[in-house]
Amino acid sequence: MLGEGDLASARAAAEEALCDAALVERWSGSGWSTVGTFACAAVPKRTVTDDGAGQLIGVTLWSFRFSRGADVRPNDRLRHAERTYVVSETDAGRTDALLLVAQATRNV
């Protein structure tokens, strides 16, 4: 088991890899409110590829990685790389997590 100092060092190293950013918005009952912009890394989780050529033609699920302190919740909207995504779930609350992981689908 990692001690607190080792865990903090591992988290800091993981956060250095967050080379992008996403604007987080939350529904307030009367419209979308900006929560903030947080460093992130977006990784395709489930893909659909072309028959035989292997060309990526669509991504159905994305995994966004944020620092543990980022305020990202299910149903939030993420604006990243000129696209909009909707968060379906996060792994918030894990005490051993290096980063906050949010699963999201592209909002069409």
PDB file of N, CA and C in Angstrom:
ATOM      1  N   MET A   1       0.839  -1.179   0.000  1.00  0.00           N
ATOM      2  CA  MET A   1       0.000   0.000   0.000  1.00  0.00           C
ATOM      3  C   MET A   1       0.886   1.246   0.000  1.00  0.00           C
ATOM      4  N   LEU A   2       0.518   2.216  -0.816  1.00  0.00           N
ATOM      5  CA  LEU A   2       1.287   3.457  -0.902  1.00  0.00           C
ATOM      6  C   LEU A   2       1.008   4.357   0.296  1.00  0.00           C
ATOM      7  N   GLY A   3       2.049   4.999   0.762  1.00  0.00           N
ATOM      8  CA  GLY A   3       1.871   5.995   1.808  1.00  0.00           C
ATOM      9  C   GLY A   3       1.337   7.282   1.190  1.00  0.00           C
ATOM     10  N   GLU A   4       0.910   8.207   2.004  1.00  0.00           N
ATOM     11  CA  GLU A   4       0.340   9.470   1.513  1.00  0.00           C
ATOM     12  C   GLU A   4       1.319  10.254   0.653  1.00  0.00           C
ATOM     13  N   GLY A   5       2.586  10.291   1.029  1.00  0.00           N
ATOM     14  CA  GLY A   5       3.585  11.015   0.249  1.00  0.00           C
ATOM     15  C   GLY A   5       3.789  10.396  -1.124  1.00  0.00           C
ATOM     16  N   ASP A   6       3.865   9.053  -1.172  1.00  0.00           N
ATOM     17  CA  ASP A   6       4.025   8.362  -2.448  1.00  0.00           C
ATOM     18  C   ASP A   6       2.798   8.546  -3.332  1.00  0.00           C
ATOM     19  N   LEU A   7       1.631   8.484  -2.728  1.00  0.00           N
ATOM     20  CA  LEU A   7       0.388   8.678  -3.487  1.00  0.00           C
ATOM     21  C   LEU A   7       0.315  10.096  -4.046  1.00  0.00           C
ATOM     22  N   ALA A   8       0.706  11.085  -3.256  1.00  0.00           N
ATOM     23  CA  ALA A   8       0.711  12.471  -3.726  1.00  0.00           C
ATOM     24  C   ALA A   8       1.696  12.647  -4.879  1.00  0.00           C
ATOM     25  N   SER A   9       2.847  12.013  -4.798  1.00  0.00           N
ATOM     26  CA  SER A   9       3.837  12.091  -5.884  1.00  0.00           C
ATOM     27  C   SER A   9       3.306  11.440  -7.151  1.00  0.00           C
ATOM     28  N   ALA A  10       2.657  10.300  -7.016  1.00  0.00           N
ATOM     29  CA  ALA A  10       2.091   9.603  -8.173  1.00  0.00           C
ATOM     30  C   ALA A  10       0.979  10.432  -8.811  1.00  0.00           C
ATOM     31  N   ARG A  11       0.152  11.077  -7.989  1.00  0.00           N
ATOM     32  CA  ARG A  11      -0.917  11.939  -8.518  1.00  0.00           C
ATOM     33  C   ARG A  11      -0.337  13.129  -9.273  1.00  0.00           C
ATOM     34  N   ALA A  12       0.706  13.729  -8.718  1.00  0.00           N
ATOM     35  CA  ALA A  12       1.339  14.879  -9.380  1.00  0.00           C
ATOM     36  C   ALA A  12       1.921  14.461 -10.725  1.00  0.00           C
ATOM     37  N   ALA A  13       2.543  13.303 -10.787  1.00  0.00           N
ATOM     38  CA  ALA A  13       3.105  12.812 -12.052  1.00  0.00           C
ATOM     39  C   ALA A  13       1.992  12.533 -13.063  1.00  0.00           C
ATOM     40  N   ALA A  14       0.880  11.947 -12.622  1.00  0.00           N
ATOM     41  CA  ALA A  14      -0.239  11.659 -13.517  1.00  0.00           C
ATOM     42  C   ALA A  14      -0.859  12.951 -14.044  1.00  0.00           C
ATOM     43  N   GLU A  15      -0.944  13.976 -13.191  1.00  0.00           N
ATOM     44  CA  GLU A  15      -1.535  15.252 -13.611  1.00  0.00           C
ATOM     45  C   GLU A  15      -0.680  15.967 -14.649  1.00  0.00           C
ATOM     46  N   GLU A  16       0.625  15.718 -14.653  1.00  0.00           N
ATOM     47  CA  GLU A  16       1.504  16.326 -15.652  1.00  0.00           C
ATOM     48  C   GLU A  16       1.169  15.851 -17.059  1.00  0.00           C
ATOM     49  N   ALA A  17       0.548  14.684 -17.175  1.00  0.00           N
ATOM     50  CA  ALA A  17       0.187  14.123 -18.482  1.00  0.00           C
ATOM     51  C   ALA A  17      -1.124  14.701 -19.021  1.00  0.00           C
ATOM     52  N   LEU A  18      -1.806  15.529 -18.242  1.00  0.00           N
ATOM     53  CA  LEU A  18      -3.070  16.120 -18.683  1.00  0.00           C
ATOM     54  C   LEU A  18      -2.742  17.324 -19.561  1.00  0.00           C
ATOM     55  N   CYS A  19      -2.635  17.084 -20.854  1.00  0.00           N
ATOM     56  CA  CYS A  19      -2.112  18.092 -21.774  1.00  0.00           C
ATOM     57  C   CYS A  19      -3.189  18.848 -22.542  1.00  0.00           C
ATOM     58  N   ASP A  20      -4.445  18.676 -22.174  1.00  0.00           N
ATOM     59  CA  ASP A  20      -5.547  19.340 -22.860  1.00  0.00           C
ATOM     60  C   ASP A  20      -6.439  19.992 -21.813  1.00  0.00           C
ATOM     61  N   ALA A  21      -7.570  20.533 -22.232  1.00  0.00           N
ATOM     62  CA  ALA A  21      -8.502  21.154 -21.278  1.00  0.00           C
ATOM     63  C   ALA A  21      -9.930  20.966 -21.762  1.00  0.00           C
ATOM     64  N   ALA A  22     -10.850  20.911 -20.813  1.00  0.00           N
ATOM     65  CA  ALA A  22     -12.279  20.817 -21.126  1.00  0.00           C
ATOM     66  C   ALA A  22     -13.032  21.825 -20.269  1.00  0.00           C
ATOM     67  N   LEU A  23     -13.977  22.496 -20.898  1.00  0.00           N
ATOM     68  CA  LEU A  23     -14.886  23.392 -20.185  1.00  0.00           C
ATOM     69  C   LEU A  23     -16.033  22.540 -19.662  1.00  0.00           C
ATOM     70  N   VAL A  24     -16.323  22.646 -18.379  1.00  0.00           N
ATOM     71  CA  VAL A  24     -17.383  21.860 -17.750  1.00  0.00           C
ATOM     72  C   VAL A  24     -18.581  22.771 -17.508  1.00  0.00           C
ATOM     73  N   GLU A  25     -19.753  22.325 -17.950  1.00  0.00           N
ATOM     74  CA  GLU A  25     -20.996  23.064 -17.746  1.00  0.00           C
ATOM     75  C   GLU A  25     -21.992  22.169 -17.021  1.00  0.00           C
ATOM     76  N   ARG A  26     -22.825  22.783 -16.198  1.00  0.00           N
ATOM     77  CA  ARG A  26     -23.820  22.051 -15.410  1.00  0.00           C
ATOM     78  C   ARG A  26     -25.181  22.711 -15.576  1.00  0.00           C
ATOM     79  N   TRP A  27     -26.212  21.892 -15.721  1.00  0.00           N
ATOM     80  CA  TRP A  27     -27.574  22.387 -15.856  1.00  0.00           C
ATOM     81  C   TRP A  27     -28.029  22.960 -14.523  1.00  0.00           C
ATOM     82  N   SER A  28     -28.505  24.196 -14.531  1.00  0.00           N
ATOM     83  CA  SER A  28     -28.895  24.859 -13.284  1.00  0.00           C
ATOM     84  C   SER A  28     -30.407  24.945 -13.111  1.00  0.00           C
ATOM     85  N   GLY A  29     -31.161  24.326 -14.003  1.00  0.00           N
ATOM     86  CA  GLY A  29     -32.615  24.400 -13.925  1.00  0.00           C
ATOM     87  C   GLY A  29     -33.185  25.395 -14.919  1.00  0.00           C
ATOM     88  N   SER A  30     -32.410  26.412 -15.233  1.00  0.00           N
ATOM     89  CA  SER A  30     -32.868  27.412 -16.202  1.00  0.00           C
ATOM     90  C   SER A  30     -31.893  27.545 -17.381  1.00  0.00           C
ATOM     91  N   GLY A  31     -30.790  26.814 -17.334  1.00  0.00           N
ATOM     92  CA  GLY A  31     -29.807  26.873 -18.408  1.00  0.00           C
ATOM     93  C   GLY A  31     -28.489  26.282 -17.961  1.00  0.00           C
ATOM     94  N   TRP A  32     -27.537  26.220 -18.877  1.00  0.00           N
ATOM     95  CA  TRP A  32     -26.213  25.677 -18.584  1.00  0.00           C
ATOM     96  C   TRP A  32     -25.338  26.743 -17.955  1.00  0.00           C
ATOM     97  N   SER A  33     -24.728  26.422 -16.832  1.00  0.00           N
ATOM     98  CA  SER A  33     -23.799  27.318 -16.138  1.00  0.00           C
ATOM     99  C   SER A  33     -22.393  26.747 -16.230  1.00  0.00           C
ATOM    100  N   THR A  34     -21.422  27.619 -16.407  1.00  0.00           N
ATOM    101  CA  THR A  34     -20.031  27.185 -16.467  1.00  0.00           C
ATOM    102  C   THR A  34     -19.521  26.861 -15.066  1.00  0.00           C
ATOM    103  N   VAL A  35     -18.988  25.665 -14.904  1.00  0.00           N
ATOM    104  CA  VAL A  35     -18.384  25.235 -13.644  1.00  0.00           C
ATOM    105  C   VAL A  35     -16.919  25.650 -13.617  1.00  0.00           C
ATOM    106  N   GLY A  36     -16.241  25.454 -14.753  1.00  0.00           N
ATOM    107  CA  GLY A  36     -14.832  25.805 -14.854  1.00  0.00           C
ATOM    108  C   GLY A  36     -14.178  25.083 -16.008  1.00  0.00           C
ATOM    109  N   THR A  37     -12.936  25.424 -16.244  1.00  0.00           N
ATOM    110  CA  THR A  37     -12.131  24.746 -17.253  1.00  0.00           C
ATOM    111  C   THR A  37     -11.045  23.986 -16.521  1.00  0.00           C
ATOM    112  N   PHE A  38     -10.926  22.706 -16.834  1.00  0.00           N
ATOM    113  CA  PHE A  38      -9.999  21.831 -16.118  1.00  0.00           C
ATOM    114  C   PHE A  38      -9.075  21.119 -17.102  1.00  0.00           C
ATOM    115  N   ALA A  39      -7.825  20.948 -16.703  1.00  0.00           N
ATOM    116  CA  ALA A  39      -6.885  20.167 -17.500  1.00  0.00           C
ATOM    117  C   ALA A  39      -7.412  18.740 -17.609  1.00  0.00           C
ATOM    118  N   CYS A  40      -7.229  18.145 -18.794  1.00  0.00           N
ATOM    119  CA  CYS A  40      -7.742  16.797 -18.997  1.00  0.00           C
ATOM    120  C   CYS A  40      -6.951  16.074 -20.079  1.00  0.00           C
ATOM    121  N   ALA A  41      -7.274  14.817 -20.237  1.00  0.00           N
ATOM    122  CA  ALA A  41      -6.829  14.000 -21.368  1.00  0.00           C
ATOM    123  C   ALA A  41      -8.043  13.195 -21.795  1.00  0.00           C
ATOM    124  N   ALA A  42      -8.354  13.206 -23.084  1.00  0.00           N
ATOM    125  CA  ALA A  42      -9.501  12.472 -23.623  1.00  0.00           C
ATOM    126  C   ALA A  42      -9.002  11.264 -24.393  1.00  0.00           C
ATOM    127  N   VAL A  43      -9.564  10.103 -24.085  1.00  0.00           N
ATOM    128  CA  VAL A  43      -9.147   8.854 -24.709  1.00  0.00           C
ATOM    129  C   VAL A  43     -10.378   8.124 -25.223  1.00  0.00           C
ATOM    130  N   PRO A  44     -10.388   7.720 -26.509  1.00  0.00           N
ATOM    131  CA  PRO A  44     -11.527   6.934 -26.987  1.00  0.00           C
ATOM    132  C   PRO A  44     -11.591   5.597 -26.267  1.00  0.00           C
ATOM    133  N   LYS A  45     -12.774   5.255 -25.823  1.00  0.00           N
ATOM    134  CA  LYS A  45     -12.940   4.023 -25.051  1.00  0.00           C
ATOM    135  C   LYS A  45     -13.526   2.902 -25.920  1.00  0.00           C
ATOM    136  N   ARG A  46     -14.535   3.217 -26.690  1.00  0.00           N
ATOM    137  CA  ARG A  46     -15.169   2.236 -27.555  1.00  0.00           C
ATOM    138  C   ARG A  46     -15.266   2.867 -28.937  1.00  0.00           C
ATOM    139  N   THR A  47     -14.777   2.175 -29.948  1.00  0.00           N
ATOM    140  CA  THR A  47     -14.743   2.756 -31.288  1.00  0.00           C
ATOM    141  C   THR A  47     -15.466   1.878 -32.296  1.00  0.00           C
ATOM    142  N   VAL A  48     -15.839   2.504 -33.385  1.00  0.00           N
ATOM    143  CA  VAL A  48     -16.389   1.802 -34.532  1.00  0.00           C
ATOM    144  C   VAL A  48     -15.431   2.087 -35.675  1.00  0.00           C
ATOM    145  N   THR A  49     -14.948   1.059 -36.338  1.00  0.00           N
ATOM    146  CA  THR A  49     -14.001   1.264 -37.429  1.00  0.00           C
ATOM    147  C   THR A  49     -14.596   0.813 -38.751  1.00  0.00           C
ATOM    148  N   ASP A  50     -13.996   1.272 -39.825  1.00  0.00           N
ATOM    149  CA  ASP A  50     -14.384   0.924 -41.179  1.00  0.00           C
ATOM    150  C   ASP A  50     -14.105  -0.561 -41.421  1.00  0.00           C
ATOM    151  N   ASP A  51     -14.841  -1.176 -42.322  1.00  0.00           N
ATOM    152  CA  ASP A  51     -14.610  -2.583 -42.671  1.00  0.00           C
ATOM    153  C   ASP A  51     -13.273  -2.751 -43.367  1.00  0.00           C
ATOM    154  N   GLY A  52     -12.322  -3.343 -42.773  1.00  0.00           N
ATOM    155  CA  GLY A  52     -11.082  -3.690 -43.435  1.00  0.00           C
ATOM    156  C   GLY A  52     -10.006  -2.614 -43.471  1.00  0.00           C
ATOM    157  N   ALA A  53     -10.347  -1.361 -43.687  1.00  0.00           N
ATOM    158  CA  ALA A  53      -9.333  -0.314 -43.792  1.00  0.00           C
ATOM    159  C   ALA A  53      -8.803   0.105 -42.424  1.00  0.00           C
ATOM    160  N   GLY A  54      -9.582  -0.103 -41.383  1.00  0.00           N
ATOM    161  CA  GLY A  54      -9.161   0.267 -40.042  1.00  0.00           C
ATOM    162  C   GLY A  54      -9.246   1.749 -39.742  1.00  0.00           C
ATOM    163  N   GLN A  55      -9.866   2.510 -40.611  1.00  0.00           N
ATOM    164  CA  GLN A  55     -10.031   3.940 -40.386  1.00  0.00           C
ATOM    165  C   GLN A  55     -11.103   4.183 -39.325  1.00  0.00           C
ATOM    166  N   LEU A  56     -10.802   5.056 -38.392  1.00  0.00           N
ATOM    167  CA  LEU A  56     -11.747   5.412 -37.344  1.00  0.00           C
ATOM    168  C   LEU A  56     -12.863   6.243 -37.948  1.00  0.00           C
ATOM    169  N   ILE A  57     -14.099   5.758 -37.827  1.00  0.00           N
ATOM    170  CA  ILE A  57     -15.234   6.513 -38.359  1.00  0.00           C
ATOM    171  C   ILE A  57     -16.157   7.016 -37.261  1.00  0.00           C
ATOM    172  N   GLY A  58     -15.965   6.564 -36.046  1.00  0.00           N
ATOM    173  CA  GLY A  58     -16.798   7.060 -34.962  1.00  0.00           C
ATOM    174  C   GLY A  58     -16.349   6.534 -33.618  1.00  0.00           C
ATOM    175  N   VAL A  59     -16.600   7.289 -32.600  1.00  0.00           N
ATOM    176  CA  VAL A  59     -16.295   6.883 -31.230  1.00  0.00           C
ATOM    177  C   VAL A  59     -17.591   6.975 -30.444  1.00  0.00           C
ATOM    178  N   THR A  60     -17.964   5.906 -29.767  1.00  0.00           N
ATOM    179  CA  THR A  60     -19.220   5.889 -29.042  1.00  0.00           C
ATOM    180  C   THR A  60     -19.089   6.180 -27.559  1.00  0.00           C
ATOM    181  N   LEU A  61     -17.888   6.026 -27.016  1.00  0.00           N
ATOM    182  CA  LEU A  61     -17.674   6.286 -25.591  1.00  0.00           C
ATOM    183  C   LEU A  61     -16.269   6.849 -25.409  1.00  0.00           C
ATOM    184  N   TRP A  62     -16.172   7.891 -24.608  1.00  0.00           N
ATOM    185  CA  TRP A  62     -14.893   8.543 -24.335  1.00  0.00           C
ATOM    186  C   TRP A  62     -14.597   8.463 -22.848  1.00  0.00           C
ATOM    187  N   SER A  63     -13.326   8.370 -22.532  1.00  0.00           N
ATOM    188  CA  SER A  63     -12.871   8.411 -21.153  1.00  0.00           C
ATOM    189  C   SER A  63     -12.060   9.700 -20.991  1.00  0.00           C
ATOM    190  N   PHE A  64     -12.540  10.591 -20.148  1.00  0.00           N
ATOM    191  CA  PHE A  64     -11.836  11.843 -19.860  1.00  0.00           C
ATOM    192  C   PHE A  64     -11.164  11.699 -18.506  1.00  0.00           C
ATOM    193  N   ARG A  65      -9.889  12.052 -18.466  1.00  0.00           N
ATOM    194  CA  ARG A  65      -9.141  12.004 -17.211  1.00  0.00           C
ATOM    195  C   ARG A  65      -8.862  13.433 -16.748  1.00  0.00           C
ATOM    196  N   PHE A  66      -9.193  13.702 -15.495  1.00  0.00           N
ATOM    197  CA  PHE A  66      -9.021  15.017 -14.875  1.00  0.00           C
ATOM    198  C   PHE A  66      -8.237  14.845 -13.582  1.00  0.00           C
ATOM    199  N   SER A  67      -7.731  15.957 -13.030  1.00  0.00           N
ATOM    200  CA  SER A  67      -7.140  15.882 -11.693  1.00  0.00           C
ATOM    201  C   SER A  67      -8.259  15.546 -10.710  1.00  0.00           C
ATOM    202  N   ARG A  68      -7.902  14.962  -9.597  1.00  0.00           N
ATOM    203  CA  ARG A  68      -8.924  14.533  -8.626  1.00  0.00           C
ATOM    204  C   ARG A  68      -9.750  15.693  -8.094  1.00  0.00           C
ATOM    205  N   GLY A  69      -9.221  16.902  -8.122  1.00  0.00           N
ATOM    206  CA  GLY A  69      -9.948  18.050  -7.605  1.00  0.00           C
ATOM    207  C   GLY A  69     -10.924  18.681  -8.584  1.00  0.00           C
ATOM    208  N   ALA A  70     -10.973  18.184  -9.805  1.00  0.00           N
ATOM    209  CA  ALA A  70     -11.876  18.766 -10.810  1.00  0.00           C
ATOM    210  C   ALA A  70     -13.330  18.497 -10.427  1.00  0.00           C
ATOM    211  N   ASP A  71     -14.177  19.486 -10.614  1.00  0.00           N
ATOM    212  CA  ASP A  71     -15.604  19.363 -10.292  1.00  0.00           C
ATOM    213  C   ASP A  71     -16.344  18.888 -11.542  1.00  0.00           C
ATOM    214  N   VAL A  72     -16.379  17.576 -11.719  1.00  0.00           N
ATOM    215  CA  VAL A  72     -17.058  16.956 -12.860  1.00  0.00           C
ATOM    216  C   VAL A  72     -18.006  15.909 -12.302  1.00  0.00           C
ATOM    217  N   ARG A  73     -19.280  15.970 -12.732  1.00  0.00           N
ATOM    218  CA  ARG A  73     -20.321  15.081 -12.209  1.00  0.00           C
ATOM    219  C   ARG A  73     -21.130  14.479 -13.359  1.00  0.00           C
ATOM    220  N   PRO A  74     -21.837  13.372 -13.081  1.00  0.00           N
ATOM    221  CA  PRO A  74     -22.723  12.823 -14.102  1.00  0.00           C
ATOM    222  C   PRO A  74     -23.730  13.885 -14.577  1.00  0.00           C
ATOM    223  N   ASN A  75     -24.033  13.851 -15.863  1.00  0.00           N
ATOM    224  CA  ASN A  75     -24.943  14.772 -16.552  1.00  0.00           C
ATOM    225  C   ASN A  75     -24.325  16.124 -16.866  1.00  0.00           C
ATOM    226  N   ASP A  76     -23.086  16.369 -16.430  1.00  0.00           N
ATOM    227  CA  ASP A  76     -22.397  17.601 -16.834  1.00  0.00           C
ATOM    228  C   ASP A  76     -22.113  17.528 -18.327  1.00  0.00           C
ATOM    229  N   ARG A  77     -21.917  18.680 -18.898  1.00  0.00           N
ATOM    230  CA  ARG A  77     -21.561  18.786 -20.302  1.00  0.00           C
ATOM    231  C   ARG A  77     -20.096  19.203 -20.380  1.00  0.00           C
ATOM    232  N   LEU A  78     -19.340  18.537 -21.252  1.00  0.00           N
ATOM    233  CA  LEU A  78     -17.923  18.854 -21.460  1.00  0.00           C
ATOM    234  C   LEU A  78     -17.762  19.438 -22.852  1.00  0.00           C
ATOM    235  N   ARG A  79     -17.076  20.566 -22.946  1.00  0.00           N
ATOM    236  CA  ARG A  79     -16.739  21.137 -24.248  1.00  0.00           C
ATOM    237  C   ARG A  79     -15.237  20.960 -24.421  1.00  0.00           C
ATOM    238  N   HIS A  80     -14.906  20.162 -25.427  1.00  0.00           N
ATOM    239  CA  HIS A  80     -13.506  19.790 -25.643  1.00  0.00           C
ATOM    240  C   HIS A  80     -13.248  19.683 -27.142  1.00  0.00           C
ATOM    241  N   ALA A  81     -12.212  20.340 -27.625  1.00  0.00           N
ATOM    242  CA  ALA A  81     -11.798  20.271 -29.030  1.00  0.00           C
ATOM    243  C   ALA A  81     -12.969  20.520 -29.979  1.00  0.00           C
ATOM    244  N   GLU A  82     -13.712  21.576 -29.702  1.00  0.00           N
ATOM    245  CA  GLU A  82     -14.835  22.012 -30.536  1.00  0.00           C
ATOM    246  C   GLU A  82     -15.981  21.012 -30.605  1.00  0.00           C
ATOM    247  N   ARG A  83     -16.025  20.101 -29.657  1.00  0.00           N
ATOM    248  CA  ARG A  83     -17.126  19.137 -29.579  1.00  0.00           C
ATOM    249  C   ARG A  83     -17.721  19.170 -28.179  1.00  0.00           C
ATOM    250  N   THR A  84     -18.944  18.669 -28.063  1.00  0.00           N
ATOM    251  CA  THR A  84     -19.641  18.631 -26.779  1.00  0.00           C
ATOM    252  C   THR A  84     -19.921  17.182 -26.402  1.00  0.00           C
ATOM    253  N   TYR A  85     -19.693  16.866 -25.139  1.00  0.00           N
ATOM    254  CA  TYR A  85     -19.896  15.516 -24.613  1.00  0.00           C
ATOM    255  C   TYR A  85     -20.774  15.612 -23.370  1.00  0.00           C
ATOM    256  N   VAL A  86     -21.454  14.517 -23.039  1.00  0.00           N
ATOM    257  CA  VAL A  86     -22.264  14.447 -21.821  1.00  0.00           C
ATOM    258  C   VAL A  86     -21.688  13.350 -20.932  1.00  0.00           C
ATOM    259  N   VAL A  87     -21.428  13.685 -19.681  1.00  0.00           N
ATOM    260  CA  VAL A  87     -20.849  12.738 -18.726  1.00  0.00           C
ATOM    261  C   VAL A  87     -21.922  11.760 -18.272  1.00  0.00           C
ATOM    262  N   SER A  88     -21.638  10.471 -18.413  1.00  0.00           N
ATOM    263  CA  SER A  88     -22.580   9.456 -17.946  1.00  0.00           C
ATOM    264  C   SER A  88     -22.250   9.001 -16.529  1.00  0.00           C
ATOM    265  N   GLU A  89     -20.955   8.957 -16.196  1.00  0.00           N
ATOM    266  CA  GLU A  89     -20.558   8.567 -14.842  1.00  0.00           C
ATOM    267  C   GLU A  89     -19.118   8.987 -14.579  1.00  0.00           C
ATOM    268  N   THR A  90     -18.760   9.025 -13.300  1.00  0.00           N
ATOM    269  CA  THR A  90     -17.375   9.281 -12.896  1.00  0.00           C
ATOM    270  C   THR A  90     -16.999   8.256 -11.833  1.00  0.00           C
ATOM    271  N   ASP A  91     -15.718   8.182 -11.561  1.00  0.00           N
ATOM    272  CA  ASP A  91     -15.269   7.299 -10.476  1.00  0.00           C
ATOM    273  C   ASP A  91     -14.931   8.113  -9.223  1.00  0.00           C
ATOM    274  N   ALA A  92     -15.573   9.241  -9.051  1.00  0.00           N
ATOM    275  CA  ALA A  92     -15.344  10.100  -7.879  1.00  0.00           C
ATOM    276  C   ALA A  92     -15.568   9.306  -6.595  1.00  0.00           C
ATOM    277  N   GLY A  93     -14.753   9.598  -5.613  1.00  0.00           N
ATOM    278  CA  GLY A  93     -14.898   8.943  -4.316  1.00  0.00           C
ATOM    279  C   GLY A  93     -13.898   7.825  -4.074  1.00  0.00           C
ATOM    280  N   ARG A  94     -13.197   7.403  -5.112  1.00  0.00           N
ATOM    281  CA  ARG A  94     -12.172   6.367  -4.918  1.00  0.00           C
ATOM    282  C   ARG A  94     -10.982   6.985  -4.201  1.00  0.00           C
ATOM    283  N   THR A  95     -10.636   6.452  -3.078  1.00  0.00           N
ATOM    284  CA  THR A  95      -9.544   7.025  -2.289  1.00  0.00           C
ATOM    285  C   THR A  95      -8.178   6.723  -2.877  1.00  0.00           C
ATOM    286  N   ASP A  96      -8.066   5.672  -3.684  1.00  0.00           N
ATOM    287  CA  ASP A  96      -6.777   5.285  -4.236  1.00  0.00           C
ATOM    288  C   ASP A  96      -6.548   5.824  -5.648  1.00  0.00           C
ATOM    289  N   ALA A  97      -7.495   6.556  -6.205  1.00  0.00           N
ATOM    290  CA  ALA A  97      -7.405   7.015  -7.593  1.00  0.00           C
ATOM    291  C   ALA A  97      -6.333   8.091  -7.756  1.00  0.00           C
ATOM    292  N   LEU A  98      -5.579   7.979  -8.848  1.00  0.00           N
ATOM    293  CA  LEU A  98      -4.606   9.016  -9.163  1.00  0.00           C
ATOM    294  C   LEU A  98      -5.293  10.194  -9.841  1.00  0.00           C
ATOM    295  N   LEU A  99      -6.290   9.901 -10.675  1.00  0.00           N
ATOM    296  CA  LEU A  99      -7.027  10.926 -11.423  1.00  0.00           C
ATOM    297  C   LEU A  99      -8.512  10.643 -11.308  1.00  0.00           C
ATOM    298  N   LEU A 100      -9.320  11.644 -11.617  1.00  0.00           N
ATOM    299  CA  LEU A 100     -10.765  11.474 -11.736  1.00  0.00           C
ATOM    300  C   LEU A 100     -11.049  11.041 -13.169  1.00  0.00           C
ATOM    301  N   VAL A 101     -11.762   9.941 -13.343  1.00  0.00           N
ATOM    302  CA  VAL A 101     -12.098   9.450 -14.672  1.00  0.00           C
ATOM    303  C   VAL A 101     -13.588   9.645 -14.891  1.00  0.00           C
ATOM    304  N   ALA A 102     -13.937  10.307 -16.008  1.00  0.00           N
ATOM    305  CA  ALA A 102     -15.338  10.524 -16.370  1.00  0.00           C
ATOM    306  C   ALA A 102     -15.598   9.849 -17.706  1.00  0.00           C
ATOM    307  N   GLN A 103     -16.638   9.036 -17.753  1.00  0.00           N
ATOM    308  CA  GLN A 103     -17.072   8.428 -19.015  1.00  0.00           C
ATOM    309  C   GLN A 103     -18.070   9.373 -19.660  1.00  0.00           C
ATOM    310  N   ALA A 104     -17.936   9.597 -20.960  1.00  0.00           N
ATOM    311  CA  ALA A 104     -18.812  10.548 -21.639  1.00  0.00           C
ATOM    312  C   ALA A 104     -19.128  10.080 -23.048  1.00  0.00           C
ATOM    313  N   THR A 105     -20.277  10.507 -23.531  1.00  0.00           N
ATOM    314  CA  THR A 105     -20.669  10.250 -24.909  1.00  0.00           C
ATOM    315  C   THR A 105     -20.767  11.577 -25.636  1.00  0.00           C
ATOM    316  N   ARG A 106     -20.538  11.536 -26.922  1.00  0.00           N
ATOM    317  CA  ARG A 106     -20.590  12.750 -27.708  1.00  0.00           C
ATOM    318  C   ARG A 106     -22.036  13.194 -27.856  1.00  0.00           C
ATOM    319  N   ASN A 107     -22.268  14.470 -27.605  1.00  0.00           N
ATOM    320  CA  ASN A 107     -23.600  15.053 -27.721  1.00  0.00           C
ATOM    321  C   ASN A 107     -23.798  15.455 -29.173  1.00  0.00           C
ATOM    322  N   VAL A 108     -24.753  14.834 -29.802  1.00  0.00           N
ATOM    323  CA  VAL A 108     -24.977  15.093 -31.235  1.00  0.00           C
ATOM    324  C   VAL A 108     -25.983  16.208 -31.427  1.00  0.00           C
TER     325      VAL A 108
END
